[in-house]
């Protein structure tokens, strides 16, 4: 398998995962931000818009835009990990954030 195929699979997986969580499972996000995280509605909406925008950037052919999307996702996932630590969630709930950080870092490395 070539690097190009691997990076395409990773970009598609990351973008699909973010779309699934922020669109398909949006009711769960609303509940988490309100009840678990105790964050305001505007922050939830800003986070979602930013994550979906960064996910879309991964699918553009321009590598610079892809890298901006990757850095945005990494930044947001670092804050997600910090939020899980702040509210003392078990590590199981933190795994998706850590996994996305890892996948994005791998893509940055592969993009050169």
PDB file of N, CA and C in Angstrom:
ATOM      1  N   UNK A   1       0.854  -1.185   0.000  1.00  0.00           N
ATOM      2  CA  UNK A   1       0.000   0.000   0.000  1.00  0.00           C
ATOM      3  C   UNK A   1       0.897   1.244   0.000  1.00  0.00           C
ATOM      4  N   UNK A   2       0.561   2.197  -0.858  1.00  0.00           N
ATOM      5  CA  UNK A   2       1.378   3.400  -0.953  1.00  0.00           C
ATOM      6  C   UNK A   2       1.000   4.394   0.145  1.00  0.00           C
ATOM      7  N   UNK A   3       1.903   5.334   0.377  1.00  0.00           N
ATOM      8  CA  UNK A   3       1.668   6.391   1.369  1.00  0.00           C
ATOM      9  C   UNK A   3       0.421   7.186   1.006  1.00  0.00           C
ATOM     10  N   UNK A   4       0.220   7.434  -0.276  1.00  0.00           N
ATOM     11  CA  UNK A   4      -0.947   8.206  -0.723  1.00  0.00           C
ATOM     12  C   UNK A   4      -2.253   7.513  -0.329  1.00  0.00           C
ATOM     13  N   UNK A   5      -2.309   6.207  -0.496  1.00  0.00           N
ATOM     14  CA  UNK A   5      -3.512   5.456  -0.119  1.00  0.00           C
ATOM     15  C   UNK A   5      -3.707   5.493   1.398  1.00  0.00           C
ATOM     16  N   UNK A   6      -2.615   5.315   2.129  1.00  0.00           N
ATOM     17  CA  UNK A   6      -2.689   5.346   3.596  1.00  0.00           C
ATOM     18  C   UNK A   6      -3.185   6.707   4.081  1.00  0.00           C
ATOM     19  N   UNK A   7      -2.626   7.790   3.534  1.00  0.00           N
ATOM     20  CA  UNK A   7      -3.056   9.126   3.972  1.00  0.00           C
ATOM     21  C   UNK A   7      -4.507   9.391   3.598  1.00  0.00           C
ATOM     22  N   UNK A   8      -4.939   8.916   2.445  1.00  0.00           N
ATOM     23  CA  UNK A   8      -6.345   9.087   2.048  1.00  0.00           C
ATOM     24  C   UNK A   8      -7.270   8.352   3.008  1.00  0.00           C
ATOM     25  N   UNK A   9      -6.886   7.136   3.385  1.00  0.00           N
ATOM     26  CA  UNK A   9      -7.694   6.368   4.340  1.00  0.00           C
ATOM     27  C   UNK A   9      -7.743   7.086   5.689  1.00  0.00           C
ATOM     28  N   UNK A  10      -6.600   7.576   6.171  1.00  0.00           N
ATOM     29  CA  UNK A  10      -6.562   8.279   7.465  1.00  0.00           C
ATOM     30  C   UNK A  10      -7.402   9.553   7.438  1.00  0.00           C
ATOM     31  N   UNK A  11      -7.254  10.345   6.378  1.00  0.00           N
ATOM     32  CA  UNK A  11      -8.036  11.590   6.270  1.00  0.00           C
ATOM     33  C   UNK A  11      -9.532  11.296   6.248  1.00  0.00           C
ATOM     34  N   UNK A  12      -9.914  10.291   5.494  1.00  0.00           N
ATOM     35  CA  UNK A  12     -11.322   9.924   5.401  1.00  0.00           C
ATOM     36  C   UNK A  12     -11.849   9.417   6.739  1.00  0.00           C
ATOM     37  N   UNK A  13     -11.060   8.624   7.431  1.00  0.00           N
ATOM     38  CA  UNK A  13     -11.470   8.089   8.736  1.00  0.00           C
ATOM     39  C   UNK A  13     -11.643   9.210   9.763  1.00  0.00           C
ATOM     40  N   UNK A  14     -10.705  10.137   9.799  1.00  0.00           N
ATOM     41  CA  UNK A  14     -10.782  11.254  10.751  1.00  0.00           C
ATOM     42  C   UNK A  14     -12.001  12.123  10.447  1.00  0.00           C
ATOM     43  N   UNK A  15     -12.156  12.509   9.183  1.00  0.00           N
ATOM     44  CA  UNK A  15     -13.287  13.364   8.799  1.00  0.00           C
ATOM     45  C   UNK A  15     -14.619  12.663   9.073  1.00  0.00           C
ATOM     46  N   UNK A  16     -14.693  11.380   8.766  1.00  0.00           N
ATOM     47  CA  UNK A  16     -15.928  10.620   9.003  1.00  0.00           C
ATOM     48  C   UNK A  16     -16.250  10.519  10.485  1.00  0.00           C
ATOM     49  N   UNK A  17     -15.236  10.273  11.302  1.00  0.00           N
ATOM     50  CA  UNK A  17     -15.448  10.169  12.753  1.00  0.00           C
ATOM     51  C   UNK A  17     -15.977  11.483  13.317  1.00  0.00           C
ATOM     52  N   UNK A  18     -15.374  12.588  12.912  1.00  0.00           N
ATOM     53  CA  UNK A  18     -15.839  13.893  13.413  1.00  0.00           C
ATOM     54  C   UNK A  18     -17.250  14.194  12.920  1.00  0.00           C
ATOM     55  N   UNK A  19     -17.547  13.890  11.666  1.00  0.00           N
ATOM     56  CA  UNK A  19     -18.892  14.091  11.144  1.00  0.00           C
ATOM     57  C   UNK A  19     -19.890  13.246  11.932  1.00  0.00           C
ATOM     58  N   UNK A  20     -19.558  11.995  12.179  1.00  0.00           N
ATOM     59  CA  UNK A  20     -20.459  11.102  12.905  1.00  0.00           C
ATOM     60  C   UNK A  20     -20.772  11.646  14.296  1.00  0.00           C
ATOM     61  N   UNK A  21     -19.736  12.055  15.019  1.00  0.00           N
ATOM     62  CA  UNK A  21     -19.936  12.537  16.391  1.00  0.00           C
ATOM     63  C   UNK A  21     -20.700  13.856  16.412  1.00  0.00           C
ATOM     64  N   UNK A  22     -20.364  14.783  15.511  1.00  0.00           N
ATOM     65  CA  UNK A  22     -20.937  16.129  15.579  1.00  0.00           C
ATOM     66  C   UNK A  22     -22.216  16.319  14.774  1.00  0.00           C
ATOM     67  N   UNK A  23     -22.589  15.326  13.957  1.00  0.00           N
ATOM     68  CA  UNK A  23     -23.844  15.427  13.205  1.00  0.00           C
ATOM     69  C   UNK A  23     -24.786  14.300  13.612  1.00  0.00           C
ATOM     70  N   UNK A  24     -24.365  13.076  13.438  1.00  0.00           N
ATOM     71  CA  UNK A  24     -25.229  11.935  13.732  1.00  0.00           C
ATOM     72  C   UNK A  24     -25.522  11.824  15.229  1.00  0.00           C
ATOM     73  N   UNK A  25     -24.507  12.036  16.054  1.00  0.00           N
ATOM     74  CA  UNK A  25     -24.683  11.896  17.506  1.00  0.00           C
ATOM     75  C   UNK A  25     -24.786  13.259  18.202  1.00  0.00           C
ATOM     76  N   UNK A  26     -25.295  14.263  17.510  1.00  0.00           N
ATOM     77  CA  UNK A  26     -25.313  15.629  18.049  1.00  0.00           C
ATOM     78  C   UNK A  26     -26.079  15.730  19.370  1.00  0.00           C
ATOM     79  N   UNK A  27     -27.157  14.967  19.532  1.00  0.00           N
ATOM     80  CA  UNK A  27     -27.917  15.019  20.794  1.00  0.00           C
ATOM     81  C   UNK A  27     -27.028  14.633  21.973  1.00  0.00           C
ATOM     82  N   UNK A  28     -26.152  13.672  21.772  1.00  0.00           N
ATOM     83  CA  UNK A  28     -25.213  13.263  22.811  1.00  0.00           C
ATOM     84  C   UNK A  28     -24.236  14.388  23.138  1.00  0.00           C
ATOM     85  N   UNK A  29     -23.792  15.107  22.108  1.00  0.00           N
ATOM     86  CA  UNK A  29     -22.879  16.241  22.299  1.00  0.00           C
ATOM     87  C   UNK A  29     -23.566  17.322  23.128  1.00  0.00           C
ATOM     88  N   UNK A  30     -24.814  17.625  22.794  1.00  0.00           N
ATOM     89  CA  UNK A  30     -25.573  18.637  23.539  1.00  0.00           C
ATOM     90  C   UNK A  30     -25.629  18.261  25.017  1.00  0.00           C
ATOM     91  N   UNK A  31     -25.940  17.017  25.300  1.00  0.00           N
ATOM     92  CA  UNK A  31     -26.032  16.534  26.685  1.00  0.00           C
ATOM     93  C   UNK A  31     -24.681  16.619  27.390  1.00  0.00           C
ATOM     94  N   UNK A  32     -23.622  16.153  26.734  1.00  0.00           N
ATOM     95  CA  UNK A  32     -22.292  16.183  27.350  1.00  0.00           C
ATOM     96  C   UNK A  32     -21.855  17.599  27.682  1.00  0.00           C
ATOM     97  N   UNK A  33     -21.993  18.512  26.731  1.00  0.00           N
ATOM     98  CA  UNK A  33     -21.538  19.880  26.959  1.00  0.00           C
ATOM     99  C   UNK A  33     -22.324  20.549  28.089  1.00  0.00           C
ATOM    100  N   UNK A  34     -23.614  20.237  28.180  1.00  0.00           N
ATOM    101  CA  UNK A  34     -24.458  20.863  29.205  1.00  0.00           C
ATOM    102  C   UNK A  34     -24.290  20.196  30.566  1.00  0.00           C
ATOM    103  N   UNK A  35     -24.462  18.885  30.620  1.00  0.00           N
ATOM    104  CA  UNK A  35     -24.511  18.182  31.904  1.00  0.00           C
ATOM    105  C   UNK A  35     -23.140  17.759  32.427  1.00  0.00           C
ATOM    106  N   UNK A  36     -22.297  17.220  31.560  1.00  0.00           N
ATOM    107  CA  UNK A  36     -21.001  16.712  32.012  1.00  0.00           C
ATOM    108  C   UNK A  36     -19.946  17.818  32.082  1.00  0.00           C
ATOM    109  N   UNK A  37     -19.766  18.532  30.977  1.00  0.00           N
ATOM    110  CA  UNK A  37     -18.707  19.530  30.905  1.00  0.00           C
ATOM    111  C   UNK A  37     -19.097  20.862  31.529  1.00  0.00           C
ATOM    112  N   UNK A  38     -20.412  21.146  31.554  1.00  0.00           N
ATOM    113  CA  UNK A  38     -20.938  22.424  32.049  1.00  0.00           C
ATOM    114  C   UNK A  38     -20.361  23.619  31.267  1.00  0.00           C
ATOM    115  N   UNK A  39     -20.285  23.425  29.962  1.00  0.00           N
ATOM    116  CA  UNK A  39     -19.810  24.480  29.067  1.00  0.00           C
ATOM    117  C   UNK A  39     -21.020  25.171  28.433  1.00  0.00           C
ATOM    118  N   UNK A  40     -20.872  26.444  28.076  1.00  0.00           N
ATOM    119  CA  UNK A  40     -21.999  27.174  27.470  1.00  0.00           C
ATOM    120  C   UNK A  40     -22.301  26.703  26.046  1.00  0.00           C
ATOM    121  N   UNK A  41     -23.518  26.981  25.624  1.00  0.00           N
ATOM    122  CA  UNK A  41     -23.998  26.597  24.297  1.00  0.00           C
ATOM    123  C   UNK A  41     -23.114  27.173  23.197  1.00  0.00           C
ATOM    124  N   UNK A  42     -22.712  28.434  23.343  1.00  0.00           N
ATOM    125  CA  UNK A  42     -21.901  29.070  22.295  1.00  0.00           C
ATOM    126  C   UNK A  42     -20.565  28.341  22.108  1.00  0.00           C
ATOM    127  N   UNK A  43     -19.989  27.818  23.192  1.00  0.00           N
ATOM    128  CA  UNK A  43     -18.716  27.105  23.088  1.00  0.00           C
ATOM    129  C   UNK A  43     -18.911  25.764  22.373  1.00  0.00           C
ATOM    130  N   UNK A  44     -20.023  25.090  22.678  1.00  0.00           N
ATOM    131  CA  UNK A  44     -20.342  23.836  21.989  1.00  0.00           C
ATOM    132  C   UNK A  44     -20.479  24.084  20.492  1.00  0.00           C
ATOM    133  N   UNK A  45     -21.230  25.125  20.130  1.00  0.00           N
ATOM    134  CA  UNK A  45     -21.454  25.421  18.717  1.00  0.00           C
ATOM    135  C   UNK A  45     -20.156  25.818  18.009  1.00  0.00           C
ATOM    136  N   UNK A  46     -19.352  26.648  18.663  1.00  0.00           N
ATOM    137  CA  UNK A  46     -18.069  27.063  18.095  1.00  0.00           C
ATOM    138  C   UNK A  46     -17.150  25.856  17.911  1.00  0.00           C
ATOM    139  N   UNK A  47     -17.134  24.983  18.902  1.00  0.00           N
ATOM    140  CA  UNK A  47     -16.310  23.772  18.818  1.00  0.00           C
ATOM    141  C   UNK A  47     -16.759  22.900  17.653  1.00  0.00           C
ATOM    142  N   UNK A  48     -18.050  22.693  17.527  1.00  0.00           N
ATOM    143  CA  UNK A  48     -18.572  21.869  16.438  1.00  0.00           C
ATOM    144  C   UNK A  48     -18.281  22.447  15.074  1.00  0.00           C
ATOM    145  N   UNK A  49     -18.509  23.734  14.913  1.00  0.00           N
ATOM    146  CA  UNK A  49     -18.241  24.389  13.626  1.00  0.00           C
ATOM    147  C   UNK A  49     -16.766  24.285  13.283  1.00  0.00           C
ATOM    148  N   UNK A  50     -15.918  24.500  14.272  1.00  0.00           N
ATOM    149  CA  UNK A  50     -14.474  24.435  14.042  1.00  0.00           C
ATOM    150  C   UNK A  50     -14.033  23.012  13.694  1.00  0.00           C
ATOM    151  N   UNK A  51     -14.534  22.022  14.424  1.00  0.00           N
ATOM    152  CA  UNK A  51     -14.157  20.632  14.134  1.00  0.00           C
ATOM    153  C   UNK A  51     -14.618  20.204  12.749  1.00  0.00           C
ATOM    154  N   UNK A  52     -15.843  20.551  12.390  1.00  0.00           N
ATOM    155  CA  UNK A  52     -16.346  20.163  11.070  1.00  0.00           C
ATOM    156  C   UNK A  52     -15.609  20.899   9.947  1.00  0.00           C
ATOM    157  N   UNK A  53     -15.238  22.143  10.175  1.00  0.00           N
ATOM    158  CA  UNK A  53     -14.463  22.897   9.196  1.00  0.00           C
ATOM    159  C   UNK A  53     -13.085  22.261   9.013  1.00  0.00           C
ATOM    160  N   UNK A  54     -12.438  21.938  10.128  1.00  0.00           N
ATOM    161  CA  UNK A  54     -11.124  21.288  10.057  1.00  0.00           C
ATOM    162  C   UNK A  54     -11.221  19.933   9.369  1.00  0.00           C
ATOM    163  N   UNK A  55     -12.279  19.191   9.640  1.00  0.00           N
ATOM    164  CA  UNK A  55     -12.481  17.894   8.988  1.00  0.00           C
ATOM    165  C   UNK A  55     -12.642  18.078   7.480  1.00  0.00           C
ATOM    166  N   UNK A  56     -13.370  19.109   7.074  1.00  0.00           N
ATOM    167  CA  UNK A  56     -13.555  19.376   5.643  1.00  0.00           C
ATOM    168  C   UNK A  56     -12.224  19.749   4.986  1.00  0.00           C
ATOM    169  N   UNK A  57     -11.392  20.488   5.705  1.00  0.00           N
ATOM    170  CA  UNK A  57     -10.093  20.883   5.155  1.00  0.00           C
ATOM    171  C   UNK A  57      -9.218  19.668   4.835  1.00  0.00           C
ATOM    172  N   UNK A  58      -9.398  18.592   5.589  1.00  0.00           N
ATOM    173  CA  UNK A  58      -8.617  17.374   5.329  1.00  0.00           C
ATOM    174  C   UNK A  58      -8.906  16.792   3.952  1.00  0.00           C
ATOM    175  N   UNK A  59     -10.083  17.074   3.429  1.00  0.00           N
ATOM    176  CA  UNK A  59     -10.509  16.473   2.170  1.00  0.00           C
ATOM    177  C   UNK A  59     -10.149  17.320   0.947  1.00  0.00           C
ATOM    178  N   UNK A  60      -9.567  18.522   1.173  1.00  0.00           N
ATOM    179  CA  UNK A  60      -9.125  19.359   0.065  1.00  0.00           C
ATOM    180  C   UNK A  60      -7.805  18.828  -0.480  1.00  0.00           C
ATOM    181  N   UNK A  61      -7.563  19.021  -1.775  1.00  0.00           N
ATOM    182  CA  UNK A  61      -6.310  18.526  -2.353  1.00  0.00           C
ATOM    183  C   UNK A  61      -5.067  19.342  -1.938  1.00  0.00           C
ATOM    184  N   UNK A  62      -5.281  20.532  -1.420  1.00  0.00           N
ATOM    185  CA  UNK A  62      -4.175  21.398  -1.020  1.00  0.00           C
ATOM    186  C   UNK A  62      -3.595  20.928   0.316  1.00  0.00           C
ATOM    187  N   UNK A  63      -2.318  20.540   0.314  1.00  0.00           N
ATOM    188  CA  UNK A  63      -1.685  20.005   1.517  1.00  0.00           C
ATOM    189  C   UNK A  63      -1.566  21.039   2.637  1.00  0.00           C
ATOM    190  N   UNK A  64      -1.392  22.303   2.277  1.00  0.00           N
ATOM    191  CA  UNK A  64      -1.328  23.359   3.298  1.00  0.00           C
ATOM    192  C   UNK A  64      -2.645  23.446   4.069  1.00  0.00           C
ATOM    193  N   UNK A  65      -3.761  23.396   3.354  1.00  0.00           N
ATOM    194  CA  UNK A  65      -5.069  23.428   4.005  1.00  0.00           C
ATOM    195  C   UNK A  65      -5.294  22.175   4.851  1.00  0.00           C
ATOM    196  N   UNK A  66      -4.839  21.038   4.347  1.00  0.00           N
ATOM    197  CA  UNK A  66      -4.947  19.804   5.126  1.00  0.00           C
ATOM    198  C   UNK A  66      -4.182  19.931   6.443  1.00  0.00           C
ATOM    199  N   UNK A  67      -2.978  20.491   6.375  1.00  0.00           N
ATOM    200  CA  UNK A  67      -2.178  20.641   7.586  1.00  0.00           C
ATOM    201  C   UNK A  67      -2.815  21.623   8.573  1.00  0.00           C
ATOM    202  N   UNK A  68      -3.454  22.661   8.065  1.00  0.00           N
ATOM    203  CA  UNK A  68      -4.185  23.592   8.939  1.00  0.00           C
ATOM    204  C   UNK A  68      -5.323  22.841   9.628  1.00  0.00           C
ATOM    205  N   UNK A  69      -6.053  22.024   8.873  1.00  0.00           N
ATOM    206  CA  UNK A  69      -7.121  21.212   9.449  1.00  0.00           C
ATOM    207  C   UNK A  69      -6.594  20.261  10.514  1.00  0.00           C
ATOM    208  N   UNK A  70      -5.469  19.616  10.225  1.00  0.00           N
ATOM    209  CA  UNK A  70      -4.869  18.687  11.196  1.00  0.00           C
ATOM    210  C   UNK A  70      -4.458  19.407  12.473  1.00  0.00           C
ATOM    211  N   UNK A  71      -3.827  20.566  12.323  1.00  0.00           N
ATOM    212  CA  UNK A  71      -3.401  21.323  13.514  1.00  0.00           C
ATOM    213  C   UNK A  71      -4.608  21.800  14.322  1.00  0.00           C
ATOM    214  N   UNK A  72      -5.675  22.179  13.633  1.00  0.00           N
ATOM    215  CA  UNK A  72      -6.895  22.580  14.327  1.00  0.00           C
ATOM    216  C   UNK A  72      -7.502  21.428  15.112  1.00  0.00           C
ATOM    217  N   UNK A  73      -7.557  20.257  14.495  1.00  0.00           N
ATOM    218  CA  UNK A  73      -8.115  19.084  15.179  1.00  0.00           C
ATOM    219  C   UNK A  73      -7.243  18.700  16.367  1.00  0.00           C
ATOM    220  N   UNK A  74      -5.931  18.715  16.183  1.00  0.00           N
ATOM    221  CA  UNK A  74      -5.020  18.393  17.293  1.00  0.00           C
ATOM    222  C   UNK A  74      -5.253  19.340  18.453  1.00  0.00           C
ATOM    223  N   UNK A  75      -5.345  20.626  18.170  1.00  0.00           N
ATOM    224  CA  UNK A  75      -5.565  21.629  19.224  1.00  0.00           C
ATOM    225  C   UNK A  75      -6.877  21.365  19.963  1.00  0.00           C
ATOM    226  N   UNK A  76      -7.944  21.135  19.209  1.00  0.00           N
ATOM    227  CA  UNK A  76      -9.236  20.877  19.831  1.00  0.00           C
ATOM    228  C   UNK A  76      -9.233  19.582  20.644  1.00  0.00           C
ATOM    229  N   UNK A  77      -8.541  18.571  20.158  1.00  0.00           N
ATOM    230  CA  UNK A  77      -8.486  17.294  20.878  1.00  0.00           C
ATOM    231  C   UNK A  77      -7.645  17.407  22.159  1.00  0.00           C
ATOM    232  N   UNK A  78      -6.631  18.257  22.145  1.00  0.00           N
ATOM    233  CA  UNK A  78      -5.869  18.501  23.380  1.00  0.00           C
ATOM    234  C   UNK A  78      -6.792  19.116  24.429  1.00  0.00           C
ATOM    235  N   UNK A  79      -7.613  20.076  24.006  1.00  0.00           N
ATOM    236  CA  UNK A  79      -8.573  20.665  24.945  1.00  0.00           C
ATOM    237  C   UNK A  79      -9.622  19.650  25.389  1.00  0.00           C
ATOM    238  N   UNK A  80      -9.988  18.736  24.497  1.00  0.00           N
ATOM    239  CA  UNK A  80     -10.932  17.677  24.885  1.00  0.00           C
ATOM    240  C   UNK A  80     -10.317  16.783  25.961  1.00  0.00           C
ATOM    241  N   UNK A  81      -9.060  16.406  25.791  1.00  0.00           N
ATOM    242  CA  UNK A  81      -8.380  15.594  26.805  1.00  0.00           C
ATOM    243  C   UNK A  81      -8.326  16.352  28.129  1.00  0.00           C
ATOM    244  N   UNK A  82      -7.980  17.624  28.083  1.00  0.00           N
ATOM    245  CA  UNK A  82      -7.928  18.434  29.306  1.00  0.00           C
ATOM    246  C   UNK A  82      -9.296  18.526  29.971  1.00  0.00           C
ATOM    247  N   UNK A  83     -10.349  18.606  29.173  1.00  0.00           N
ATOM    248  CA  UNK A  83     -11.705  18.636  29.723  1.00  0.00           C
ATOM    249  C   UNK A  83     -12.026  17.317  30.422  1.00  0.00           C
ATOM    250  N   UNK A  84     -11.684  16.208  29.798  1.00  0.00           N
ATOM    251  CA  UNK A  84     -11.928  14.905  30.422  1.00  0.00           C
ATOM    252  C   UNK A  84     -11.154  14.766  31.735  1.00  0.00           C
ATOM    253  N   UNK A  85      -9.940  15.295  31.759  1.00  0.00           N
ATOM    254  CA  UNK A  85      -9.147  15.274  33.001  1.00  0.00           C
ATOM    255  C   UNK A  85      -9.802  16.165  34.048  1.00  0.00           C
ATOM    256  N   UNK A  86     -10.253  17.364  33.622  1.00  0.00           N
ATOM    257  CA  UNK A  86     -10.865  18.318  34.550  1.00  0.00           C
ATOM    258  C   UNK A  86     -12.090  17.739  35.242  1.00  0.00           C
ATOM    259  N   UNK A  87     -12.912  17.001  34.493  1.00  0.00           N
ATOM    260  CA  UNK A  87     -14.134  16.468  35.105  1.00  0.00           C
ATOM    261  C   UNK A  87     -13.933  15.053  35.655  1.00  0.00           C
ATOM    262  N   UNK A  88     -12.676  14.600  35.597  1.00  0.00           N
ATOM    263  CA  UNK A  88     -12.291  13.303  36.172  1.00  0.00           C
ATOM    264  C   UNK A  88     -13.010  12.114  35.524  1.00  0.00           C
ATOM    265  N   UNK A  89     -13.159  12.181  34.194  1.00  0.00           N
ATOM    266  CA  UNK A  89     -13.695  11.034  33.453  1.00  0.00           C
ATOM    267  C   UNK A  89     -12.687   9.892  33.510  1.00  0.00           C
ATOM    268  N   UNK A  90     -13.179   8.683  33.368  1.00  0.00           N
ATOM    269  CA  UNK A  90     -12.233   7.568  33.294  1.00  0.00           C
ATOM    270  C   UNK A  90     -11.528   7.622  31.942  1.00  0.00           C
ATOM    271  N   UNK A  91     -10.401   6.920  31.858  1.00  0.00           N
ATOM    272  CA  UNK A  91      -9.575   6.992  30.646  1.00  0.00           C
ATOM    273  C   UNK A  91     -10.327   6.503  29.409  1.00  0.00           C
ATOM    274  N   UNK A  92     -11.262   5.597  29.588  1.00  0.00           N
ATOM    275  CA  UNK A  92     -12.031   5.057  28.469  1.00  0.00           C
ATOM    276  C   UNK A  92     -12.712   6.168  27.659  1.00  0.00           C
ATOM    277  N   UNK A  93     -13.196   7.191  28.339  1.00  0.00           N
ATOM    278  CA  UNK A  93     -13.883   8.292  27.641  1.00  0.00           C
ATOM    279  C   UNK A  93     -12.886   9.240  26.970  1.00  0.00           C
ATOM    280  N   UNK A  94     -11.624   9.145  27.346  1.00  0.00           N
ATOM    281  CA  UNK A  94     -10.590  10.002  26.771  1.00  0.00           C
ATOM    282  C   UNK A  94      -9.944   9.375  25.543  1.00  0.00           C
ATOM    283  N   UNK A  95     -10.095   8.077  25.382  1.00  0.00           N
ATOM    284  CA  UNK A  95      -9.437   7.347  24.291  1.00  0.00           C
ATOM    285  C   UNK A  95      -9.741   7.931  22.902  1.00  0.00           C
ATOM    286  N   UNK A  96     -10.992   8.290  22.560  1.00  0.00           N
ATOM    287  CA  UNK A  96     -11.228   8.844  21.218  1.00  0.00           C
ATOM    288  C   UNK A  96     -10.422  10.123  20.943  1.00  0.00           C
ATOM    289  N   UNK A  97     -10.301  10.986  21.939  1.00  0.00           N
ATOM    290  CA  UNK A  97      -9.531  12.219  21.749  1.00  0.00           C
ATOM    291  C   UNK A  97      -8.055  11.911  21.525  1.00  0.00           C
ATOM    292  N   UNK A  98      -7.519  11.005  22.329  1.00  0.00           N
ATOM    293  CA  UNK A  98      -6.114  10.620  22.196  1.00  0.00           C
ATOM    294  C   UNK A  98      -5.882   9.929  20.846  1.00  0.00           C
ATOM    295  N   UNK A  99      -6.826   9.107  20.428  1.00  0.00           N
ATOM    296  CA  UNK A  99      -6.704   8.419  19.136  1.00  0.00           C
ATOM    297  C   UNK A  99      -6.693   9.422  17.981  1.00  0.00           C
ATOM    298  N   UNK A 100      -7.576  10.418  18.039  1.00  0.00           N
ATOM    299  CA  UNK A 100      -7.597  11.428  16.969  1.00  0.00           C
ATOM    300  C   UNK A 100      -6.315  12.247  16.949  1.00  0.00           C
ATOM    301  N   UNK A 101      -5.791  12.594  18.120  1.00  0.00           N
ATOM    302  CA  UNK A 101      -4.506  13.308  18.168  1.00  0.00           C
ATOM    303  C   UNK A 101      -3.435  12.453  17.488  1.00  0.00           C
ATOM    304  N   UNK A 102      -3.396  11.180  17.823  1.00  0.00           N
ATOM    305  CA  UNK A 102      -2.388  10.272  17.264  1.00  0.00           C
ATOM    306  C   UNK A 102      -2.516  10.155  15.746  1.00  0.00           C
ATOM    307  N   UNK A 103      -3.741   9.991  15.259  1.00  0.00           N
ATOM    308  CA  UNK A 103      -3.953   9.881  13.813  1.00  0.00           C
ATOM    309  C   UNK A 103      -3.555  11.168  13.091  1.00  0.00           C
ATOM    310  N   UNK A 104      -3.901  12.304  13.679  1.00  0.00           N
ATOM    311  CA  UNK A 104      -3.552  13.589  13.061  1.00  0.00           C
ATOM    312  C   UNK A 104      -2.037  13.807  13.050  1.00  0.00           C
ATOM    313  N   UNK A 105      -1.364  13.442  14.135  1.00  0.00           N
ATOM    314  CA  UNK A 105       0.098  13.564  14.174  1.00  0.00           C
ATOM    315  C   UNK A 105       0.742  12.647  13.127  1.00  0.00           C
ATOM    316  N   UNK A 106       0.197  11.442  12.976  1.00  0.00           N
ATOM    317  CA  UNK A 106       0.708  10.513  11.968  1.00  0.00           C
ATOM    318  C   UNK A 106       0.555  11.119  10.567  1.00  0.00           C
ATOM    319  N   UNK A 107      -0.596  11.721  10.310  1.00  0.00           N
ATOM    320  CA  UNK A 107      -0.823  12.354   8.997  1.00  0.00           C
ATOM    321  C   UNK A 107       0.121  13.525   8.767  1.00  0.00           C
ATOM    322  N   UNK A 108       0.335  14.337   9.785  1.00  0.00           N
ATOM    323  CA  UNK A 108       1.285  15.450   9.640  1.00  0.00           C
ATOM    324  C   UNK A 108       2.665  14.917   9.280  1.00  0.00           C
ATOM    325  N   UNK A 109       3.073  13.845   9.942  1.00  0.00           N
ATOM    326  CA  UNK A 109       4.361  13.230   9.661  1.00  0.00           C
ATOM    327  C   UNK A 109       4.405  12.705   8.227  1.00  0.00           C
ATOM    328  N   UNK A 110       3.355  12.015   7.804  1.00  0.00           N
ATOM    329  CA  UNK A 110       3.314  11.447   6.461  1.00  0.00           C
ATOM    330  C   UNK A 110       3.242  12.517   5.383  1.00  0.00           C
ATOM    331  N   UNK A 111       2.596  13.658   5.707  1.00  0.00           N
ATOM    332  CA  UNK A 111       2.508  14.761   4.747  1.00  0.00           C
ATOM    333  C   UNK A 111       3.849  15.458   4.556  1.00  0.00           C
ATOM    334  N   UNK A 112       4.747  15.230   5.509  1.00  0.00           N
ATOM    335  CA  UNK A 112       6.092  15.804   5.405  1.00  0.00           C
ATOM    336  C   UNK A 112       6.097  17.211   5.800  1.00  0.00           C
TER     337      UNK A 112
END
